[in-house]
N, C-alpha and C. Protein backbone atom coordinates (compact mmCIF):
# COMPACT_ATOMS: atom_id res chain seq x y z
N MET A 1 94.97 152.46 56.24
CA MET A 1 95.46 152.87 54.94
C MET A 1 95.84 154.35 54.93
N ALA A 2 95.89 154.94 56.09
CA ALA A 2 96.21 156.37 56.17
C ALA A 2 97.66 156.62 55.83
N ASN A 3 97.91 157.72 55.14
CA ASN A 3 99.27 158.15 54.88
C ASN A 3 99.84 158.88 56.07
N TRP A 4 99.00 159.63 56.79
CA TRP A 4 99.44 160.31 57.99
C TRP A 4 98.27 160.75 58.84
N ILE A 5 98.57 160.97 60.10
CA ILE A 5 97.64 161.58 61.04
C ILE A 5 98.46 162.65 61.76
N LYS A 6 97.94 163.89 61.81
CA LYS A 6 98.70 164.96 62.45
C LYS A 6 97.75 166.00 63.04
N ILE A 7 98.32 166.93 63.78
CA ILE A 7 97.54 168.01 64.38
C ILE A 7 97.85 169.29 63.61
N ILE A 8 96.80 169.97 63.14
CA ILE A 8 96.93 171.27 62.48
C ILE A 8 95.86 172.17 63.09
N ALA A 9 96.27 173.31 63.57
CA ALA A 9 95.33 174.29 64.15
C ALA A 9 94.41 173.65 65.18
N ASN A 10 95.00 172.90 66.12
CA ASN A 10 94.28 172.26 67.22
C ASN A 10 93.24 171.23 66.79
N LYS A 11 93.36 170.70 65.56
CA LYS A 11 92.48 169.62 65.10
C LYS A 11 93.35 168.46 64.61
N TRP A 12 92.88 167.25 64.87
CA TRP A 12 93.55 166.06 64.35
C TRP A 12 93.09 165.86 62.91
N TRP A 13 94.05 165.60 62.00
CA TRP A 13 93.73 165.39 60.58
C TRP A 13 94.20 164.01 60.14
N PHE A 14 93.40 163.40 59.29
CA PHE A 14 93.66 162.07 58.73
C PHE A 14 93.80 162.23 57.22
N LYS A 15 94.83 161.65 56.62
CA LYS A 15 95.04 161.74 55.18
C LYS A 15 95.25 160.35 54.64
N ASP A 16 94.42 159.96 53.66
CA ASP A 16 94.69 158.71 52.96
C ASP A 16 94.98 159.06 51.50
N SER A 17 95.06 158.08 50.65
CA SER A 17 95.47 158.33 49.27
C SER A 17 94.45 159.14 48.48
N GLU A 18 93.22 159.27 48.98
CA GLU A 18 92.18 159.96 48.22
C GLU A 18 91.70 161.27 48.82
N GLN A 19 91.83 161.44 50.12
CA GLN A 19 91.24 162.62 50.74
C GLN A 19 91.92 162.98 52.04
N GLU A 20 91.65 164.20 52.49
CA GLU A 20 92.15 164.70 53.77
C GLU A 20 90.94 165.17 54.55
N VAL A 21 90.84 164.78 55.82
CA VAL A 21 89.66 165.13 56.60
C VAL A 21 90.05 165.24 58.07
N ASP A 22 89.35 166.13 58.81
CA ASP A 22 89.63 166.21 60.24
C ASP A 22 89.02 164.99 60.92
N LEU A 23 89.68 164.51 61.98
CA LEU A 23 89.26 163.27 62.63
C LEU A 23 87.91 163.38 63.32
N ASP A 24 87.51 164.58 63.75
CA ASP A 24 86.18 164.71 64.33
C ASP A 24 85.13 164.27 63.31
N SER A 25 85.28 164.73 62.07
CA SER A 25 84.35 164.33 61.00
C SER A 25 84.51 162.86 60.66
N LEU A 26 85.75 162.39 60.68
CA LEU A 26 86.00 160.99 60.35
C LEU A 26 85.30 160.06 61.33
N VAL A 27 85.42 160.36 62.62
CA VAL A 27 84.79 159.52 63.63
C VAL A 27 83.27 159.54 63.49
N LYS A 28 82.72 160.71 63.15
CA LYS A 28 81.28 160.83 62.99
C LYS A 28 80.80 160.32 61.63
N GLY A 29 81.74 160.10 60.68
CA GLY A 29 81.36 159.64 59.35
C GLY A 29 80.72 160.73 58.52
N GLU A 30 81.04 162.00 58.80
CA GLU A 30 80.43 163.12 58.10
C GLU A 30 81.27 163.58 56.92
N GLY A 31 80.62 163.78 55.79
CA GLY A 31 81.27 164.38 54.63
C GLY A 31 82.47 163.62 54.10
N ILE A 32 82.44 162.31 54.22
CA ILE A 32 83.58 161.52 53.80
C ILE A 32 83.13 160.53 52.74
N THR A 33 83.87 160.44 51.67
CA THR A 33 83.54 159.46 50.65
C THR A 33 84.33 158.19 50.89
N GLY A 34 83.76 157.07 50.51
CA GLY A 34 84.48 155.81 50.59
C GLY A 34 84.37 155.09 51.92
N PHE A 35 83.67 155.65 52.88
CA PHE A 35 83.49 154.99 54.16
C PHE A 35 82.01 154.63 54.31
N ALA A 36 81.72 153.34 54.38
CA ALA A 36 80.34 152.88 54.38
C ALA A 36 79.66 153.02 55.74
N THR A 37 80.37 152.72 56.81
CA THR A 37 79.74 152.73 58.14
C THR A 37 80.71 153.28 59.16
N GLU A 38 80.18 153.66 60.33
CA GLU A 38 81.04 154.11 61.41
C GLU A 38 81.96 152.99 61.87
N ALA A 39 81.46 151.74 61.83
CA ALA A 39 82.30 150.60 62.23
C ALA A 39 83.53 150.52 61.33
N TYR A 40 83.34 150.78 60.04
CA TYR A 40 84.47 150.75 59.11
C TYR A 40 85.44 151.89 59.43
N VAL A 41 84.91 153.06 59.73
CA VAL A 41 85.76 154.20 60.10
C VAL A 41 86.59 153.83 61.33
N ASP A 42 85.95 153.24 62.34
CA ASP A 42 86.65 152.84 63.55
C ASP A 42 87.75 151.84 63.22
N ALA A 43 87.49 150.89 62.31
CA ALA A 43 88.49 149.91 61.92
C ALA A 43 89.69 150.59 61.26
N GLU A 44 89.45 151.61 60.46
CA GLU A 44 90.55 152.34 59.83
C GLU A 44 91.40 153.04 60.87
N ILE A 45 90.76 153.62 61.86
CA ILE A 45 91.52 154.28 62.91
C ILE A 45 92.34 153.25 63.68
N ASP A 46 91.73 152.10 63.98
CA ASP A 46 92.44 151.05 64.70
C ASP A 46 93.69 150.59 63.96
N LYS A 47 93.62 150.47 62.64
CA LYS A 47 94.78 150.02 61.86
C LYS A 47 95.96 150.95 62.05
N GLU A 48 95.67 152.21 62.23
CA GLU A 48 96.73 153.19 62.42
C GLU A 48 97.16 153.29 63.88
N GLY A 49 96.44 152.60 64.76
CA GLY A 49 96.80 152.60 66.16
C GLY A 49 96.33 153.81 66.93
N LEU A 50 95.40 154.55 66.40
CA LEU A 50 94.88 155.72 67.09
C LEU A 50 93.45 155.41 67.52
N TYR A 51 93.17 155.57 68.81
CA TYR A 51 91.84 155.31 69.32
C TYR A 51 91.38 156.53 70.10
N LEU A 52 90.25 157.10 69.70
CA LEU A 52 89.73 158.32 70.30
C LEU A 52 88.54 158.01 71.20
N THR A 53 88.57 158.54 72.42
CA THR A 53 87.44 158.41 73.34
C THR A 53 87.15 159.80 73.90
N THR A 54 85.88 160.19 73.89
CA THR A 54 85.49 161.51 74.39
C THR A 54 84.33 161.36 75.37
N ILE A 55 84.45 162.03 76.51
CA ILE A 55 83.36 162.11 77.48
C ILE A 55 83.18 163.57 77.86
N ALA A 56 82.02 163.91 78.39
CA ALA A 56 81.80 165.28 78.85
C ALA A 56 82.39 165.47 80.24
N SER A 57 82.03 164.58 81.17
CA SER A 57 82.49 164.72 82.54
C SER A 57 82.33 163.39 83.27
N SER A 58 83.11 163.22 84.33
CA SER A 58 83.00 162.03 85.18
C SER A 58 83.80 162.27 86.45
N ALA A 59 83.31 161.71 87.56
CA ALA A 59 84.07 161.77 88.80
C ALA A 59 85.25 160.80 88.75
N THR A 60 85.15 159.79 87.87
CA THR A 60 86.24 158.80 87.71
C THR A 60 86.50 158.57 86.22
N PRO A 61 87.08 159.55 85.55
CA PRO A 61 87.37 159.35 84.12
C PRO A 61 88.27 158.12 83.94
N THR A 62 87.89 157.26 83.00
CA THR A 62 88.63 156.03 82.75
C THR A 62 89.00 155.96 81.28
N PRO A 63 90.24 156.26 80.94
CA PRO A 63 90.64 156.13 79.54
C PRO A 63 90.35 154.71 79.04
N ALA A 64 89.73 154.63 77.89
CA ALA A 64 89.31 153.33 77.36
C ALA A 64 90.38 152.75 76.43
N ARG A 65 90.40 151.44 76.42
CA ARG A 65 91.23 150.69 75.48
C ARG A 65 92.68 151.14 75.51
N ALA A 66 93.31 150.93 76.62
CA ALA A 66 94.68 151.39 76.82
C ALA A 66 95.66 150.51 76.05
N SER A 67 95.78 150.77 74.77
CA SER A 67 96.77 150.08 73.96
C SER A 67 97.05 150.92 72.73
N LYS A 68 98.14 150.69 72.09
CA LYS A 68 98.57 151.43 70.91
C LYS A 68 98.72 152.92 71.25
N ARG A 69 98.06 153.76 70.45
CA ARG A 69 98.05 155.20 70.68
C ARG A 69 96.62 155.62 70.95
N ASN A 70 96.41 156.30 72.06
CA ASN A 70 95.07 156.64 72.52
C ASN A 70 94.96 158.12 72.82
N MET A 71 93.81 158.68 72.50
CA MET A 71 93.50 160.06 72.86
C MET A 71 92.20 160.02 73.65
N PHE A 72 92.28 160.40 74.93
CA PHE A 72 91.12 160.42 75.82
C PHE A 72 90.81 161.88 76.13
N THR A 73 89.60 162.30 75.81
CA THR A 73 89.23 163.71 75.94
C THR A 73 88.07 163.89 76.91
N VAL A 74 88.23 164.83 77.83
CA VAL A 74 87.16 165.26 78.73
C VAL A 74 86.81 166.68 78.29
N THR A 75 85.58 166.90 77.82
CA THR A 75 85.23 168.16 77.18
C THR A 75 84.66 169.23 78.09
N ALA A 76 84.02 168.85 79.20
CA ALA A 76 83.37 169.85 80.07
C ALA A 76 83.32 169.32 81.50
N LEU A 77 84.48 169.13 82.08
CA LEU A 77 84.57 168.54 83.42
C LEU A 77 83.77 169.38 84.41
N SER A 78 82.76 168.75 85.03
CA SER A 78 81.91 169.48 85.97
C SER A 78 81.94 168.89 87.38
N ASP A 79 82.52 167.72 87.54
CA ASP A 79 82.62 167.12 88.88
C ASP A 79 83.65 167.90 89.69
N ALA A 80 83.38 168.11 90.98
CA ALA A 80 84.28 168.89 91.83
C ALA A 80 85.69 168.30 91.84
N THR A 81 85.77 166.98 91.91
CA THR A 81 87.06 166.28 91.83
C THR A 81 86.93 165.13 90.85
N ALA A 82 87.87 165.02 89.94
CA ALA A 82 87.90 163.92 88.99
C ALA A 82 89.15 163.09 89.30
N THR A 83 88.94 161.82 89.65
CA THR A 83 90.04 160.91 89.92
C THR A 83 90.22 160.00 88.73
N PHE A 84 91.33 160.19 88.01
CA PHE A 84 91.58 159.39 86.81
C PHE A 84 91.91 157.96 87.20
N ALA A 85 91.10 157.04 86.67
CA ALA A 85 91.20 155.62 87.01
C ALA A 85 92.22 154.92 86.11
N VAL A 86 92.52 153.67 86.46
CA VAL A 86 93.39 152.83 85.64
C VAL A 86 92.75 152.67 84.27
N PRO A 87 93.48 152.95 83.18
CA PRO A 87 92.89 152.75 81.85
C PRO A 87 92.45 151.31 81.65
N SER A 88 91.36 151.13 80.93
CA SER A 88 90.88 149.79 80.63
C SER A 88 91.79 149.17 79.56
N GLY A 89 91.68 147.87 79.39
CA GLY A 89 92.48 147.18 78.37
C GLY A 89 93.81 146.72 78.93
N THR A 90 94.60 146.12 78.05
CA THR A 90 95.90 145.58 78.43
C THR A 90 96.99 146.30 77.64
N PRO A 91 97.67 147.24 78.26
CA PRO A 91 98.69 147.99 77.52
C PRO A 91 99.96 147.17 77.32
N LEU A 92 100.72 147.56 76.30
CA LEU A 92 101.99 146.93 76.00
C LEU A 92 103.11 147.95 76.17
N GLU A 93 104.33 147.48 76.27
CA GLU A 93 105.50 148.35 76.40
C GLU A 93 105.48 149.44 75.34
N GLY A 94 105.61 150.69 75.79
CA GLY A 94 105.72 151.82 74.87
C GLY A 94 104.40 152.36 74.35
N ASP A 95 103.26 151.81 74.78
CA ASP A 95 101.98 152.37 74.34
C ASP A 95 101.88 153.82 74.78
N ILE A 96 101.11 154.60 74.02
CA ILE A 96 101.01 156.04 74.26
C ILE A 96 99.57 156.40 74.61
N LEU A 97 99.42 157.24 75.61
CA LEU A 97 98.12 157.73 76.04
C LEU A 97 98.19 159.24 76.16
N PHE A 98 97.34 159.93 75.38
CA PHE A 98 97.20 161.37 75.51
C PHE A 98 95.88 161.64 76.21
N ILE A 99 95.90 162.53 77.18
CA ILE A 99 94.68 162.94 77.86
C ILE A 99 94.53 164.44 77.66
N ARG A 100 93.34 164.84 77.17
CA ARG A 100 93.03 166.26 77.00
C ARG A 100 91.86 166.58 77.93
N ILE A 101 92.02 167.61 78.76
CA ILE A 101 91.01 167.94 79.77
C ILE A 101 90.63 169.42 79.62
N LYS A 102 89.33 169.66 79.60
CA LYS A 102 88.80 171.02 79.70
C LYS A 102 87.65 170.98 80.68
N ASP A 103 87.63 171.94 81.61
CA ASP A 103 86.53 171.98 82.57
C ASP A 103 85.34 172.73 81.97
N ASN A 104 84.29 172.89 82.76
CA ASN A 104 83.08 173.55 82.28
C ASN A 104 83.07 175.06 82.58
N GLY A 105 84.24 175.62 82.78
CA GLY A 105 84.34 177.05 83.06
C GLY A 105 84.73 177.37 84.48
N ALA A 106 84.77 176.34 85.33
CA ALA A 106 85.19 176.50 86.72
C ALA A 106 86.35 175.54 86.98
N ALA A 107 87.37 176.02 87.67
CA ALA A 107 88.52 175.15 87.97
C ALA A 107 88.06 173.92 88.74
N ARG A 108 88.62 172.76 88.40
CA ARG A 108 88.25 171.50 89.04
C ARG A 108 89.48 170.80 89.58
N ALA A 109 89.31 170.05 90.67
CA ALA A 109 90.41 169.29 91.26
C ALA A 109 90.61 168.00 90.47
N LEU A 110 91.88 167.61 90.33
CA LEU A 110 92.23 166.37 89.65
C LEU A 110 93.01 165.48 90.61
N ALA A 111 92.71 164.19 90.56
CA ALA A 111 93.46 163.19 91.33
C ALA A 111 93.80 162.06 90.36
N TRP A 112 94.85 161.32 90.70
CA TRP A 112 95.37 160.32 89.77
C TRP A 112 95.60 159.00 90.47
N ASN A 113 95.16 157.91 89.86
CA ASN A 113 95.44 156.57 90.36
C ASN A 113 96.95 156.39 90.39
N ALA A 114 97.43 155.51 91.25
CA ALA A 114 98.88 155.28 91.41
C ALA A 114 99.54 154.70 90.16
N ILE A 115 98.76 154.24 89.18
CA ILE A 115 99.35 153.72 87.95
C ILE A 115 99.98 154.84 87.11
N TYR A 116 99.55 156.09 87.35
CA TYR A 116 100.14 157.25 86.66
C TYR A 116 101.34 157.70 87.49
N ARG A 117 102.48 157.81 86.84
CA ARG A 117 103.72 158.11 87.56
C ARG A 117 104.43 159.31 86.94
N VAL A 118 105.10 160.07 87.78
CA VAL A 118 105.87 161.22 87.32
C VAL A 118 107.34 161.03 87.65
N GLY A 119 108.18 161.71 86.90
CA GLY A 119 109.60 161.75 87.21
C GLY A 119 109.89 163.02 88.00
N THR A 120 111.10 163.50 87.90
CA THR A 120 111.48 164.70 88.65
C THR A 120 111.27 165.99 87.83
N ASP A 121 110.99 165.86 86.53
CA ASP A 121 110.88 167.04 85.66
C ASP A 121 109.48 167.62 85.56
N ILE A 122 108.45 166.76 85.64
CA ILE A 122 107.08 167.20 85.41
C ILE A 122 106.20 166.63 86.53
N ALA A 123 105.30 167.45 87.04
CA ALA A 123 104.34 166.99 88.06
C ALA A 123 102.96 166.83 87.42
N LEU A 124 102.19 165.89 87.92
CA LEU A 124 100.81 165.74 87.48
C LEU A 124 100.00 166.94 87.96
N SER A 125 99.18 167.46 87.09
CA SER A 125 98.33 168.59 87.47
C SER A 125 97.29 168.15 88.48
N LEU A 126 97.08 168.99 89.49
CA LEU A 126 96.09 168.69 90.53
C LEU A 126 94.85 169.55 90.42
N THR A 127 94.88 170.54 89.51
CA THR A 127 93.69 171.35 89.23
C THR A 127 93.70 171.76 87.76
N THR A 128 92.51 172.03 87.26
CA THR A 128 92.42 172.60 85.91
C THR A 128 92.49 174.12 86.04
N VAL A 129 92.76 174.80 84.95
CA VAL A 129 92.68 176.26 84.89
C VAL A 129 91.32 176.55 84.26
N ALA A 130 90.50 177.32 84.94
CA ALA A 130 89.12 177.55 84.51
C ALA A 130 89.01 177.90 83.03
N GLY A 131 88.23 177.08 82.31
CA GLY A 131 87.96 177.34 80.91
C GLY A 131 89.11 177.06 79.96
N LYS A 132 90.20 176.50 80.43
CA LYS A 132 91.38 176.24 79.60
C LYS A 132 91.56 174.74 79.36
N THR A 133 92.24 174.42 78.28
CA THR A 133 92.50 173.03 77.91
C THR A 133 93.89 172.62 78.35
N MET A 134 93.98 171.41 78.86
CA MET A 134 95.25 170.83 79.32
C MET A 134 95.50 169.54 78.53
N TYR A 135 96.76 169.31 78.16
CA TYR A 135 97.17 168.07 77.49
C TYR A 135 98.21 167.37 78.35
N LEU A 136 98.05 166.05 78.52
CA LEU A 136 99.04 165.23 79.21
C LEU A 136 99.40 164.06 78.30
N GLY A 137 100.68 163.74 78.25
CA GLY A 137 101.13 162.61 77.43
C GLY A 137 101.83 161.58 78.30
N PHE A 138 101.43 160.33 78.17
CA PHE A 138 101.98 159.23 78.96
C PHE A 138 102.52 158.14 78.04
N ILE A 139 103.57 157.45 78.49
CA ILE A 139 104.10 156.26 77.81
C ILE A 139 104.05 155.13 78.82
N TYR A 140 103.59 153.95 78.36
CA TYR A 140 103.46 152.83 79.27
C TYR A 140 104.80 152.14 79.49
N ASN A 141 105.17 151.97 80.76
CA ASN A 141 106.38 151.27 81.16
C ASN A 141 105.95 149.88 81.64
N PHE A 142 106.12 148.88 80.76
CA PHE A 142 105.65 147.52 81.05
C PHE A 142 106.39 146.92 82.24
N THR A 143 107.69 147.18 82.34
CA THR A 143 108.50 146.62 83.42
C THR A 143 107.98 147.06 84.79
N ASP A 144 107.63 148.35 84.91
CA ASP A 144 107.18 148.90 86.18
C ASP A 144 105.65 148.95 86.32
N THR A 145 104.94 148.57 85.27
CA THR A 145 103.48 148.62 85.24
C THR A 145 102.97 150.01 85.59
N LYS A 146 103.49 151.01 84.88
CA LYS A 146 103.12 152.41 85.14
C LYS A 146 102.92 153.15 83.82
N TRP A 147 102.03 154.13 83.86
CA TRP A 147 101.90 155.10 82.78
C TRP A 147 102.75 156.31 83.19
N ASP A 148 103.89 156.49 82.55
CA ASP A 148 104.82 157.56 82.90
C ASP A 148 104.46 158.85 82.17
N LEU A 149 104.31 159.93 82.94
CA LEU A 149 104.04 161.24 82.36
C LEU A 149 105.30 161.77 81.70
N VAL A 150 105.22 162.06 80.40
CA VAL A 150 106.38 162.57 79.67
C VAL A 150 106.14 163.93 79.06
N ALA A 151 104.87 164.41 79.09
CA ALA A 151 104.57 165.72 78.52
C ALA A 151 103.35 166.32 79.21
N LEU A 152 103.40 167.64 79.39
CA LEU A 152 102.27 168.37 79.95
C LEU A 152 102.26 169.78 79.36
N CYS A 153 101.14 170.15 78.78
CA CYS A 153 100.94 171.51 78.27
C CYS A 153 99.60 171.98 78.78
N ASP A 154 99.53 173.22 79.25
CA ASP A 154 98.32 173.70 79.88
C ASP A 154 98.02 175.13 79.42
N GLY A 155 96.78 175.55 79.58
CA GLY A 155 96.42 176.93 79.37
C GLY A 155 95.98 177.29 77.96
N PHE A 156 95.57 176.30 77.17
CA PHE A 156 95.12 176.59 75.81
C PHE A 156 93.68 177.08 75.81
């Protein structure tokens, strides 16, 4: 029932007909009227096609529920090398996956499963920049069974 979801000042915001709230609070169910349970909050996010998954660190980060629009966040990558695995779920043509990565203050090596593909314009990052946030945007190509990298921003 959301009217919009957008990014303002590095935070995701959700707006419905009654209120505006940042998505971090929405997912946690904090300070929000009209939402009875976290399960209900999750259902509202699903209706809009946005699915948020956050982990601190993993040697094999695996984006969850690869369908619709997804935001997978790694908040404090501490493994020496993180190899991004095939996202779980069954993606459809044109599905979107955003990956946000921040290390724990030390640069970390990144590796990517072959399902992640690049064109000639953008290369997949192979290391993080110590203490900085990186964003990657992928679109699923059903014909080729690949997550195509279409956006990369680093150094936030």
